[in-house]
Amino acid sequence: MMSASMPAWTLTENASLKALNTFHVDAVAAQLLEVFEPSVLPEVLALPQVAGQPLLVLGSGSNVLIAGDVAGTVLVFGNRNIEILEHRADHTVVRAGAGVNWHGLVMWSLQQGLSGLENLALIPGTAGASPIQNIGAYGAQVGEFIQAVDAWDRVEQTWVRLDTEACRFGYRDSVFKHEPDRYLITSIELRLPLLHELRLGYAGIGEEMQAMGVELPVAADVANAVINIRRRKLPDPDVLGNAGSFFKNPVLPLEQVEVLLQHYPELPVFPADQDDRRKVSAAWMIETCGWKGYRDGDSGVAPSHALVLVNYGAASGEQLLALARRISASVLETFGVPIEPEPRLIGAQW
């Protein structure tokens, strides 16, 4: 419910986006549209000053690199309500508004005695953005738990409800990435189990549990372990501008991975969605090429993690993108493996 004093939407011209992207790139949007009540979306999009203009949706700007000023309208959802829709013997269905802070949603779910999202703790962003790249970490992906996504279909000009199959989730992938301008996600529904087999065997979680002195972990312990690991490895975007992991781990044919391991036996390799493919560590390849901790002016690579590009203050989106391209070319030359960015590029092509 909207309060009587709160507008359903606001529209601001020549709005700074610096506070709306975690790289803290200084860019300007021709218009900033904030929608607090999703039901007004069709009529607001039909306004003369909005209709027919380019439209860009931003969550918390945690998975984008803005490479220049943005023409048209930037849309931000301000609906931050969480509600329980259904209790069952083994699971609970939860709806979260697009504007809900993702980490806040994870911690709320754990407080409710629900599990499943614990490995996804401390990922920056919003609930509405989470299905787009099927956010994942430490052996879990949000697509495993999404029951449905509610959205405005700009092509069909109607409200739609996409179930898990329609979302076409894959590794850091979904229908929303393949049709980026079609669906405006207004809320997600999550089917969260009351009991869930904990995933402890990925990226040091077991070792962190030992360090924490936890012998019989529950979901909240896993979340705390993930938070500890992420805080050690990843710089806080409020302190040092970044978008988390900038490059995706490449998924390669098993035959290619076996050849790589003959030359680089220390290359970390992980399971992939198909038996004949494997995921290899982009971070290891980037660090092996000497980029970890590199700095060029105010653009650089985090000293703590080779996957993370950072803005030390006044780096532009163009400068960060140029550095990313240099890193990618270096990895390709050394290992013969192309690596691609995880964040969405705005105002540029990879």
Protein backbone atom coordinates (compact mmCIF):
# COMPACT_ATOMS: atom_id res chain seq x y z
CA MET A 1 0.00 0.00 0.00
CA MET A 2 1.21 3.49 -0.84
CA SER A 3 1.01 6.13 1.84
CA ALA A 4 -1.05 9.20 1.06
CA SER A 5 2.07 11.39 1.23
CA MET A 6 4.23 9.23 -1.04
CA PRO A 7 3.97 9.71 -4.81
CA ALA A 8 3.47 6.71 -7.06
CA TRP A 9 6.29 8.00 -9.28
CA THR A 10 8.68 10.92 -9.82
CA LEU A 11 10.48 12.22 -12.93
CA THR A 12 13.72 14.24 -12.73
CA GLU A 13 15.59 15.82 -15.65
CA ASN A 14 19.40 15.79 -16.06
CA ALA A 15 19.86 13.47 -13.11
CA SER A 16 23.28 12.30 -11.89
CA LEU A 17 23.77 8.53 -11.90
CA LYS A 18 26.89 8.54 -9.74
CA ALA A 19 24.97 7.37 -6.68
CA LEU A 20 23.04 4.81 -8.74
CA ASN A 21 25.95 2.65 -9.88
CA THR A 22 28.42 0.87 -7.62
CA PHE A 23 31.38 1.77 -9.85
CA HIS A 24 30.52 5.40 -8.91
CA VAL A 25 31.05 6.42 -12.52
CA ASP A 26 29.94 10.03 -12.95
CA ALA A 27 27.32 9.99 -15.71
CA VAL A 28 24.08 11.88 -16.34
CA ALA A 29 20.67 10.60 -17.40
CA ALA A 30 18.46 12.83 -19.51
CA GLN A 31 15.58 11.74 -17.25
CA LEU A 32 15.34 9.66 -14.07
CA LEU A 33 12.00 7.94 -13.50
CA GLU A 34 11.42 6.45 -10.04
CA VAL A 35 8.38 4.18 -9.74
CA PHE A 36 7.16 3.29 -6.25
CA GLU A 37 3.85 1.71 -7.26
CA PRO A 38 4.30 -0.72 -10.20
CA SER A 39 0.62 -0.63 -11.20
CA VAL A 40 1.12 2.89 -12.62
CA LEU A 41 3.93 1.73 -14.90
CA PRO A 42 1.89 1.50 -18.16
CA GLU A 43 0.45 4.99 -17.81
CA VAL A 44 3.79 6.53 -16.81
CA LEU A 45 5.57 4.92 -19.77
CA ALA A 46 2.89 6.45 -22.02
CA LEU A 47 3.68 10.01 -20.91
CA PRO A 48 4.76 12.20 -23.87
CA GLN A 49 8.16 12.93 -22.32
CA VAL A 50 8.82 9.18 -21.76
CA ALA A 51 7.10 7.39 -24.65
CA GLY A 52 9.31 6.75 -27.65
CA GLN A 53 12.51 7.52 -25.74
CA PRO A 54 15.24 4.98 -24.90
CA LEU A 55 14.56 3.30 -21.55
CA LEU A 56 17.19 1.85 -19.21
CA VAL A 57 16.26 0.00 -16.01
CA LEU A 58 18.70 0.22 -13.09
CA GLY A 59 18.49 -1.78 -9.89
CA SER A 60 21.21 -0.62 -7.54
CA GLY A 61 23.58 -0.32 -10.49
CA SER A 62 25.67 -3.16 -9.06
CA ASN A 63 26.00 -5.14 -12.26
CA VAL A 64 26.52 -2.43 -14.87
CA LEU A 65 29.33 -0.38 -16.31
CA ILE A 66 28.09 2.98 -17.59
CA ALA A 67 30.41 4.05 -20.39
CA GLY A 68 28.91 7.52 -20.93
CA ASP A 69 25.91 9.76 -20.36
CA VAL A 70 22.54 8.06 -20.88
CA ALA A 71 20.01 9.43 -23.37
CA GLY A 72 16.31 8.95 -22.73
CA THR A 73 14.96 7.70 -19.40
CA VAL A 74 16.56 5.70 -16.60
CA LEU A 75 13.94 3.74 -14.62
CA VAL A 76 14.43 2.82 -10.96
CA PHE A 77 11.91 0.79 -8.96
CA GLY A 78 11.26 1.92 -5.41
CA ASN A 79 8.84 -0.83 -4.32
CA ARG A 80 10.61 -2.51 -1.42
CA ASN A 81 7.93 -4.71 0.13
CA ILE A 82 8.42 -8.38 1.11
CA GLU A 83 5.43 -10.62 1.81
CA ILE A 84 4.79 -14.28 2.55
CA LEU A 85 2.25 -15.66 0.09
CA GLU A 86 2.00 -19.26 1.19
CA HIS A 87 3.20 -21.62 3.90
CA ARG A 88 3.55 -25.33 3.13
CA ALA A 89 4.92 -28.22 5.14
CA ASP A 90 8.28 -28.13 3.38
CA HIS A 91 8.52 -24.66 1.84
CA THR A 92 7.29 -21.07 1.89
CA VAL A 93 6.49 -18.84 -1.08
CA VAL A 94 7.74 -15.26 -0.75
CA ARG A 95 7.18 -12.25 -3.00
CA ALA A 96 9.73 -9.43 -3.07
CA GLY A 97 9.31 -6.10 -4.83
CA ALA A 98 11.83 -5.19 -7.50
CA GLY A 99 13.39 -2.49 -5.32
CA VAL A 100 14.15 -4.77 -2.36
CA ASN A 101 17.83 -4.91 -1.43
CA TRP A 102 19.05 -8.42 -2.30
CA HIS A 103 21.26 -8.99 0.75
CA GLY A 104 18.49 -7.65 2.97
CA LEU A 105 16.13 -10.22 1.42
CA VAL A 106 18.62 -13.04 2.08
CA MET A 107 18.98 -12.08 5.74
CA TRP A 108 15.21 -11.63 6.12
CA SER A 109 14.63 -15.15 4.73
CA LEU A 110 17.05 -16.63 7.25
CA GLN A 111 15.32 -14.79 10.09
CA GLN A 112 12.08 -16.42 8.94
CA GLY A 113 13.66 -19.88 9.27
CA LEU A 114 13.90 -20.33 5.50
CA SER A 115 16.91 -21.62 3.59
CA GLY A 116 18.29 -21.77 0.08
CA LEU A 117 19.60 -18.23 -0.34
CA GLU A 118 22.40 -18.43 2.24
CA ASN A 119 25.18 -18.93 -0.33
CA LEU A 120 24.01 -15.76 -2.09
CA ALA A 121 24.54 -13.47 0.90
CA LEU A 122 26.19 -10.07 0.42
CA ILE A 123 25.70 -9.99 -3.36
CA PRO A 124 25.01 -6.33 -4.15
CA GLY A 125 21.90 -5.44 -6.08
CA THR A 126 18.12 -5.67 -5.93
CA ALA A 127 15.56 -8.47 -6.04
CA GLY A 128 14.29 -7.25 -9.39
CA ALA A 129 17.75 -7.47 -10.94
CA SER A 130 18.54 -10.92 -9.54
CA PRO A 131 16.85 -13.01 -12.27
CA ILE A 132 18.41 -11.09 -15.15
CA GLN A 133 21.84 -12.66 -14.91
CA ASN A 134 20.64 -15.48 -12.63
CA ILE A 135 22.95 -14.29 -9.85
CA GLY A 136 25.04 -17.01 -8.33
CA ALA A 137 27.85 -17.63 -5.87
CA TYR A 138 29.44 -20.45 -3.91
CA GLY A 139 27.59 -23.21 -5.74
CA ALA A 140 24.07 -21.71 -5.77
CA GLN A 141 22.00 -19.70 -8.26
CA VAL A 142 18.84 -17.71 -7.65
CA GLY A 143 17.08 -19.42 -10.56
CA GLU A 144 16.89 -22.59 -8.46
CA PHE A 145 14.47 -20.86 -6.11
CA ILE A 146 12.51 -18.49 -8.34
CA GLN A 147 8.96 -19.72 -8.82
CA ALA A 148 7.77 -16.82 -10.96
CA VAL A 149 8.68 -13.35 -12.16
CA ASP A 150 6.09 -10.62 -12.62
CA ALA A 151 6.85 -8.06 -15.31
CA TRP A 152 5.46 -5.55 -17.78
CA ASP A 153 5.97 -6.85 -21.32
CA ARG A 154 6.85 -3.83 -23.46
CA VAL A 155 6.42 -5.78 -26.69
CA GLU A 156 2.95 -7.13 -25.98
CA GLN A 157 1.99 -4.13 -23.81
CA THR A 158 0.60 -6.33 -21.06
CA TRP A 159 1.40 -7.71 -17.62
CA VAL A 160 3.01 -11.15 -17.72
CA ARG A 161 3.97 -13.82 -15.21
CA LEU A 162 6.93 -15.96 -16.23
CA ASP A 163 7.47 -19.30 -14.51
CA THR A 164 10.89 -20.88 -14.05
CA GLU A 165 10.84 -22.56 -17.45
CA ALA A 166 9.87 -19.33 -19.24
CA CYS A 167 12.76 -17.53 -17.54
CA ARG A 168 15.20 -19.88 -19.32
CA PHE A 169 17.80 -19.74 -16.57
CA GLY A 170 21.39 -20.75 -17.33
CA TYR A 171 24.82 -19.94 -15.93
CA ARG A 172 24.67 -16.15 -15.46
CA ASP A 173 21.95 -16.18 -18.08
CA SER A 174 18.19 -15.83 -18.58
CA VAL A 175 15.57 -14.77 -21.10
CA PHE A 176 15.91 -11.27 -19.64
CA LYS A 177 19.50 -11.03 -20.89
CA HIS A 178 18.55 -12.25 -24.36
CA GLU A 179 15.64 -9.78 -24.61
CA PRO A 180 17.04 -6.95 -22.48
CA ASP A 181 14.53 -4.26 -23.47
CA ARG A 182 11.38 -6.35 -23.33
CA TYR A 183 10.52 -7.16 -19.71
CA LEU A 184 10.33 -4.69 -16.82
CA ILE A 185 10.52 -6.89 -13.73
CA THR A 186 8.34 -5.56 -10.91
CA SER A 187 8.55 -8.46 -8.42
CA ILE A 188 9.84 -12.00 -7.96
CA GLU A 189 8.37 -15.01 -6.18
CA LEU A 190 10.73 -17.37 -4.39
CA ARG A 191 9.96 -20.93 -3.30
CA LEU A 192 12.20 -21.31 -0.25
CA PRO A 193 12.57 -24.66 1.56
CA LEU A 194 12.33 -25.02 5.30
CA LEU A 195 15.04 -27.69 5.17
CA HIS A 196 17.74 -27.56 2.53
CA GLU A 197 20.89 -29.55 1.97
CA LEU A 198 23.66 -27.10 2.78
CA ARG A 199 26.36 -26.50 0.18
CA LEU A 200 29.64 -26.44 2.03
CA GLY A 201 32.15 -27.71 -0.51
CA TYR A 202 32.67 -24.59 -2.60
CA ALA A 203 35.41 -21.94 -2.47
CA GLY A 204 36.56 -22.28 1.11
CA ILE A 205 33.22 -22.43 2.94
CA GLY A 206 34.24 -25.59 4.83
CA GLU A 207 37.52 -24.01 5.92
CA GLU A 208 35.68 -20.88 7.02
CA MET A 209 33.31 -23.02 9.11
CA GLN A 210 36.30 -24.56 10.86
CA ALA A 211 37.75 -21.12 11.52
CA MET A 212 34.38 -20.06 12.95
CA GLY A 213 34.33 -23.13 15.21
CA VAL A 214 31.05 -24.37 13.72
CA GLU A 215 30.71 -28.17 13.72
CA LEU A 216 26.99 -28.60 12.91
CA PRO A 217 26.19 -25.69 10.61
CA VAL A 218 22.77 -24.33 9.79
CA ALA A 219 21.83 -22.03 6.90
CA ALA A 220 22.64 -18.86 8.89
CA ASP A 221 26.16 -20.18 9.54
CA VAL A 222 26.69 -20.67 5.81
CA ALA A 223 25.55 -17.09 5.19
CA ASN A 224 27.95 -15.79 7.83
CA ALA A 225 30.80 -17.79 6.30
CA VAL A 226 30.02 -16.42 2.84
CA ILE A 227 29.86 -12.88 4.23
CA ASN A 228 33.26 -13.31 5.90
CA ILE A 229 34.84 -14.65 2.72
CA ARG A 230 33.33 -11.98 0.47
CA ARG A 231 34.39 -9.17 2.80
CA ARG A 232 37.97 -10.44 2.77
CA LYS A 233 38.11 -10.92 -0.99
CA LEU A 234 35.92 -8.18 -2.42
CA PRO A 235 36.27 -4.45 -1.76
CA ASP A 236 33.26 -2.66 -0.30
CA PRO A 237 31.69 -0.67 -3.18
CA ASP A 238 30.79 2.09 -0.73
CA VAL A 239 34.53 2.57 -0.14
CA LEU A 240 36.05 1.59 -3.50
CA GLY A 241 33.87 1.67 -6.60
CA ASN A 242 33.38 -1.76 -8.20
CA ALA A 243 30.75 -4.12 -9.56
CA GLY A 244 32.00 -7.31 -7.94
CA SER A 245 33.34 -9.97 -10.30
CA PHE A 246 33.76 -8.30 -13.67
CA PHE A 247 34.51 -11.39 -15.77
CA LYS A 248 32.55 -14.63 -16.05
CA ASN A 249 34.30 -17.95 -15.58
CA PRO A 250 34.54 -19.45 -19.09
CA VAL A 251 32.70 -22.73 -19.71
CA LEU A 252 34.77 -24.85 -22.11
CA PRO A 253 34.61 -28.25 -23.81
CA LEU A 254 36.19 -30.96 -21.67
CA GLU A 255 38.78 -31.70 -24.38
CA GLN A 256 40.01 -28.09 -24.32
CA VAL A 257 40.21 -28.13 -20.52
CA GLU A 258 42.30 -31.30 -20.58
CA VAL A 259 44.77 -29.66 -22.96
CA LEU A 260 44.95 -26.57 -20.73
CA LEU A 261 45.63 -28.73 -17.68
CA GLN A 262 48.55 -30.38 -19.45
CA HIS A 263 50.19 -26.95 -19.73
CA TYR A 264 48.76 -25.38 -16.56
CA PRO A 265 48.07 -28.16 -14.00
CA GLU A 266 47.26 -25.60 -11.27
CA LEU A 267 44.34 -24.11 -13.25
CA PRO A 268 41.21 -24.42 -11.04
CA VAL A 269 38.42 -26.34 -12.79
CA PHE A 270 34.78 -26.65 -11.67
CA PRO A 271 31.75 -28.65 -12.83
CA ALA A 272 29.48 -27.11 -15.48
CA ASP A 273 25.85 -27.65 -16.45
CA GLN A 274 26.84 -30.35 -18.99
CA ASP A 275 28.98 -33.44 -18.42
CA ASP A 276 31.16 -32.71 -21.46
CA ARG A 277 31.99 -29.14 -20.34
CA ARG A 278 33.89 -27.59 -17.46
CA LYS A 279 34.10 -24.14 -15.90
CA VAL A 280 37.60 -22.72 -15.49
CA SER A 281 38.78 -19.92 -13.23
CA ALA A 282 38.99 -16.55 -14.93
CA ALA A 283 40.53 -15.11 -11.75
CA TRP A 284 43.45 -17.56 -11.87
CA MET A 285 44.16 -16.80 -15.53
CA ILE A 286 43.97 -13.02 -14.98
CA GLU A 287 46.26 -13.23 -11.95
CA THR A 288 48.70 -15.47 -13.83
CA CYS A 289 48.86 -12.80 -16.54
CA GLY A 290 49.98 -10.33 -13.87
CA TRP A 291 46.91 -8.09 -13.62
CA LYS A 292 46.00 -8.52 -9.96
CA GLY A 293 46.58 -5.22 -8.16
CA TYR A 294 47.33 -3.37 -11.42
CA ARG A 295 46.47 0.35 -11.54
CA ASP A 296 46.33 2.83 -14.38
CA GLY A 297 45.32 6.25 -13.09
CA ASP A 298 42.06 5.76 -11.18
CA SER A 299 41.12 2.52 -12.94
CA GLY A 300 42.57 -0.75 -11.74
CA VAL A 301 42.25 -4.33 -10.57
CA ALA A 302 41.62 -4.99 -6.90
CA PRO A 303 44.72 -6.14 -4.96
CA SER A 304 42.51 -8.67 -3.17
CA HIS A 305 40.82 -10.31 -6.17
CA ALA A 306 41.84 -10.46 -9.82
CA LEU A 307 38.23 -10.59 -11.08
CA VAL A 308 37.32 -7.22 -9.62
CA LEU A 309 37.85 -3.98 -11.55
CA VAL A 310 37.89 -0.91 -9.31
CA ASN A 311 37.43 2.84 -9.59
CA TYR A 312 39.86 4.60 -7.25
CA GLY A 313 37.95 7.85 -7.58
CA ALA A 314 37.56 9.59 -10.91
CA ALA A 315 37.85 6.80 -13.48
CA SER A 316 35.37 7.07 -16.33
CA GLY A 317 33.36 4.18 -17.68
CA GLU A 318 35.40 4.37 -20.88
CA GLN A 319 38.66 4.00 -18.94
CA LEU A 320 37.40 0.99 -16.99
CA LEU A 321 36.15 -0.63 -20.18
CA ALA A 322 39.49 -0.05 -21.91
CA LEU A 323 41.28 -1.77 -19.03
CA ALA A 324 38.83 -4.71 -19.18
CA ARG A 325 39.55 -5.14 -22.89
CA ARG A 326 43.30 -5.15 -22.27
CA ILE A 327 42.90 -7.85 -19.61
CA SER A 328 40.70 -9.96 -21.88
CA ALA A 329 43.18 -9.69 -24.77
CA SER A 330 46.02 -10.73 -22.45
CA VAL A 331 44.17 -13.85 -21.27
CA LEU A 332 43.25 -14.79 -24.83
CA GLU A 333 46.87 -14.42 -25.99
CA THR A 334 48.25 -16.46 -23.09
CA PHE A 335 45.66 -19.23 -22.72
CA GLY A 336 43.65 -19.12 -25.95
CA VAL A 337 40.52 -18.62 -23.83
CA PRO A 338 38.13 -15.69 -24.38
CA ILE A 339 36.68 -14.12 -21.23
CA GLU A 340 33.59 -11.95 -21.21
CA PRO A 341 32.25 -9.31 -18.83
CA GLU A 342 29.59 -10.21 -16.32
CA PRO A 343 28.16 -6.68 -15.86
CA ARG A 344 25.93 -5.15 -18.51
CA LEU A 345 27.71 -2.53 -20.59
CA ILE A 346 25.73 0.69 -21.07
CA GLY A 347 26.72 2.95 -23.93
CA ALA A 348 29.26 0.52 -25.38
CA GLN A 349 29.64 -2.93 -26.93
CA TRP A 350 32.12 -5.57 -25.81
